[in-house]
């Protein structure tokens, strides 16, 4: 098994990214549907154009079996960069072999090299298997003070067409 930092201009790496991410999207944890063709066709180039994006790929022999997409962010409270782990996926036939742990170790090494103060990630409440892995690797719910509770991850989807607010 080998973990590499993807070179997204390499067609093999771009195909591995697209294939693994689409498999993730088709899983219950990923929403149970294919990624739109536009996303599949443009994702590697779009991520390659972002200096803050890192894509890690896990290969067993020549088969891509694991993916981690990371985006560097910034902690204002620490005045240092952080590394957000945006996607983590291991093909079902290869789970339980330590691939996710090795992806996380590689990401942590990159984060330390970049001077990051922490790794962050989001996980769905119902994805208890992933939560167990993350807890085993030292992740926990984020809180500043116990009396304010854990942080919640919210979103507001933006339409592609700009519309004036009323």
Protein backbone atom coordinates (compact mmCIF):
# COMPACT_ATOMS: atom_id res chain seq x y z
CA UNK A 1 0.00 0.00 0.00
CA UNK A 2 1.25 3.44 -0.93
CA UNK A 3 0.00 6.93 -0.01
CA UNK A 4 0.90 9.70 -2.45
CA UNK A 5 0.18 13.38 -2.79
CA UNK A 6 -1.69 13.48 -6.09
CA UNK A 7 -0.36 15.37 -9.07
CA UNK A 8 -3.70 16.34 -10.54
CA UNK A 9 -2.27 17.08 -13.99
CA UNK A 10 -1.37 13.37 -14.11
CA UNK A 11 -4.32 11.67 -15.88
CA UNK A 12 -4.00 8.54 -13.70
CA UNK A 13 -4.25 10.60 -10.52
CA UNK A 14 -7.11 12.70 -11.92
CA UNK A 15 -9.03 9.52 -12.84
CA UNK A 16 -8.39 8.04 -9.38
CA UNK A 17 -9.70 11.21 -7.73
CA UNK A 18 -12.84 11.23 -9.88
CA UNK A 19 -13.54 7.54 -9.48
CA UNK A 20 -13.02 7.42 -5.71
CA UNK A 21 -14.94 10.62 -5.04
CA UNK A 22 -17.84 9.42 -7.18
CA UNK A 23 -17.86 6.12 -5.27
CA UNK A 24 -17.99 8.15 -2.06
CA UNK A 25 -20.85 10.28 -3.43
CA UNK A 26 -22.78 7.11 -4.33
CA UNK A 27 -22.45 5.71 -0.79
CA UNK A 28 -25.05 6.48 1.89
CA UNK A 29 -22.46 8.71 3.64
CA UNK A 30 -21.98 10.70 0.44
CA UNK A 31 -25.62 11.25 -0.48
CA UNK A 32 -26.29 8.09 -2.55
CA UNK A 33 -26.01 9.62 -6.02
CA UNK A 34 -23.42 10.18 -8.71
CA UNK A 35 -21.56 13.44 -8.84
CA UNK A 36 -22.75 15.66 -11.71
CA UNK A 37 -20.77 15.12 -14.91
CA UNK A 38 -19.55 18.73 -14.74
CA UNK A 39 -17.97 18.05 -11.34
CA UNK A 40 -16.39 14.80 -12.49
CA UNK A 41 -15.00 16.47 -15.62
CA UNK A 42 -13.57 19.56 -13.89
CA UNK A 43 -12.67 18.60 -10.31
CA UNK A 44 -9.01 17.66 -10.81
CA UNK A 45 -8.22 20.87 -12.71
CA UNK A 46 -10.18 23.02 -10.25
CA UNK A 47 -8.37 21.53 -7.24
CA UNK A 48 -5.02 21.75 -9.03
CA UNK A 49 -5.59 25.48 -9.51
CA UNK A 50 -5.96 25.98 -5.73
CA UNK A 51 -2.64 26.26 -3.87
CA UNK A 52 -4.49 25.51 -0.62
CA UNK A 53 -5.78 22.10 -1.79
CA UNK A 54 -4.07 18.77 -1.16
CA UNK A 55 -5.31 15.44 -2.51
CA UNK A 56 -3.92 12.24 -1.06
CA UNK A 57 -4.45 8.92 -2.83
CA UNK A 58 -3.93 5.42 -1.45
CA UNK A 59 -2.98 2.66 -3.88
CA UNK A 60 -2.80 -1.07 -3.33
CA UNK A 61 -0.56 -2.30 -6.09
CA UNK A 62 -1.83 -0.07 -8.95
CA UNK A 63 -5.44 0.12 -7.74
CA UNK A 64 -6.65 3.39 -6.21
CA UNK A 65 -8.42 2.47 -2.96
CA UNK A 66 -8.39 5.56 -0.75
CA UNK A 67 -8.82 9.31 -1.00
CA UNK A 68 -8.38 12.31 1.25
CA UNK A 69 -9.02 15.87 0.11
CA UNK A 70 -7.66 18.62 2.36
CA UNK A 71 -8.04 22.38 2.14
CA UNK A 72 -5.80 24.72 4.11
CA UNK A 73 -7.68 27.29 6.14
CA UNK A 74 -6.73 29.73 8.87
CA UNK A 75 -7.37 29.89 12.60
CA UNK A 76 -7.81 33.50 13.67
CA UNK A 77 -7.66 32.55 17.36
CA UNK A 78 -4.27 30.85 16.87
CA UNK A 79 -3.08 33.14 14.02
CA UNK A 80 -1.88 30.05 12.18
CA UNK A 81 -3.00 27.90 9.28
CA UNK A 82 -5.11 24.80 9.83
CA UNK A 83 -5.75 21.85 7.56
CA UNK A 84 -9.39 20.89 7.00
CA UNK A 85 -9.93 17.31 5.93
CA UNK A 86 -12.82 17.68 3.55
CA UNK A 87 -13.21 14.18 2.07
CA UNK A 88 -12.11 10.80 3.41
CA UNK A 89 -12.99 7.64 1.54
CA UNK A 90 -11.70 4.08 1.47
CA UNK A 91 -13.19 1.57 -0.97
CA UNK A 92 -15.38 -0.95 0.89
CA UNK A 93 -13.25 -3.96 -0.09
CA UNK A 94 -10.19 -2.33 1.52
CA UNK A 95 -11.66 -1.08 4.80
CA UNK A 96 -10.28 -2.37 8.09
CA UNK A 97 -6.71 -2.50 6.73
CA UNK A 98 -5.43 0.75 8.25
CA UNK A 99 -5.64 2.78 5.04
CA UNK A 100 -7.60 5.63 6.63
CA UNK A 101 -5.11 5.80 9.49
CA UNK A 102 -2.24 6.07 7.02
CA UNK A 103 -4.04 8.81 5.07
CA UNK A 104 -4.51 10.74 8.33
CA UNK A 105 -0.86 10.25 9.31
CA UNK A 106 0.23 11.61 5.94
CA UNK A 107 -2.12 14.61 6.25
CA UNK A 108 -0.85 15.32 9.76
CA UNK A 109 2.73 15.27 8.51
CA UNK A 110 1.85 17.77 5.77
CA UNK A 111 0.02 19.98 8.29
CA UNK A 112 3.02 20.03 10.62
CA UNK A 113 5.33 20.90 7.71
CA UNK A 114 3.02 23.82 6.82
CA UNK A 115 2.99 25.06 10.41
CA UNK A 116 -0.69 24.26 10.95
CA UNK A 117 -2.09 24.47 14.46
CA UNK A 118 -4.72 21.75 13.99
CA UNK A 119 -6.57 19.37 11.71
CA UNK A 120 -10.32 19.81 11.34
CA UNK A 121 -13.05 17.73 9.76
CA UNK A 122 -16.81 17.32 9.62
CA UNK A 123 -18.67 14.05 10.10
CA UNK A 124 -22.34 13.16 9.80
CA UNK A 125 -24.11 12.17 13.03
CA UNK A 126 -25.16 8.85 11.52
CA UNK A 127 -21.67 7.90 10.34
CA UNK A 128 -20.70 6.18 13.56
CA UNK A 129 -18.00 4.03 11.95
CA UNK A 130 -16.13 7.14 10.78
CA UNK A 131 -16.65 8.78 14.17
CA UNK A 132 -15.03 5.79 15.87
CA UNK A 133 -12.01 6.02 13.55
CA UNK A 134 -11.69 9.77 14.09
CA UNK A 135 -11.95 9.42 17.88
CA UNK A 136 -9.31 6.69 17.84
CA UNK A 137 -7.05 9.09 15.90
CA UNK A 138 -7.49 11.84 18.52
CA UNK A 139 -10.31 13.94 17.02
CA UNK A 140 -13.16 15.20 19.17
CA UNK A 141 -16.05 17.63 19.01
CA UNK A 142 -14.94 21.26 18.92
CA UNK A 143 -15.82 23.59 21.75
CA UNK A 144 -14.26 26.76 23.14
CA UNK A 145 -15.84 26.40 26.59
CA UNK A 146 -18.02 23.59 27.93
CA UNK A 147 -20.90 25.90 28.89
CA UNK A 148 -21.29 27.02 25.23
CA UNK A 149 -21.30 23.43 23.94
CA UNK A 150 -19.92 21.85 20.81
CA UNK A 151 -19.69 23.69 17.51
CA UNK A 152 -22.27 22.86 14.86
CA UNK A 153 -21.41 22.75 11.16
CA UNK A 154 -24.02 24.68 9.19
CA UNK A 155 -24.31 25.67 5.56
CA UNK A 156 -26.18 28.04 3.33
CA UNK A 157 -26.25 26.96 -0.29
CA UNK A 158 -25.82 29.74 -2.77
CA UNK A 159 -27.57 29.66 -6.12
CA UNK A 160 -25.41 29.92 -9.21
CA UNK A 161 -27.42 32.92 -10.43
CA UNK A 162 -27.09 36.11 -8.44
CA UNK A 163 -30.43 37.41 -7.20
CA UNK A 164 -30.95 40.61 -5.25
CA UNK A 165 -32.02 40.22 -1.65
CA UNK A 166 -35.37 41.78 -0.80
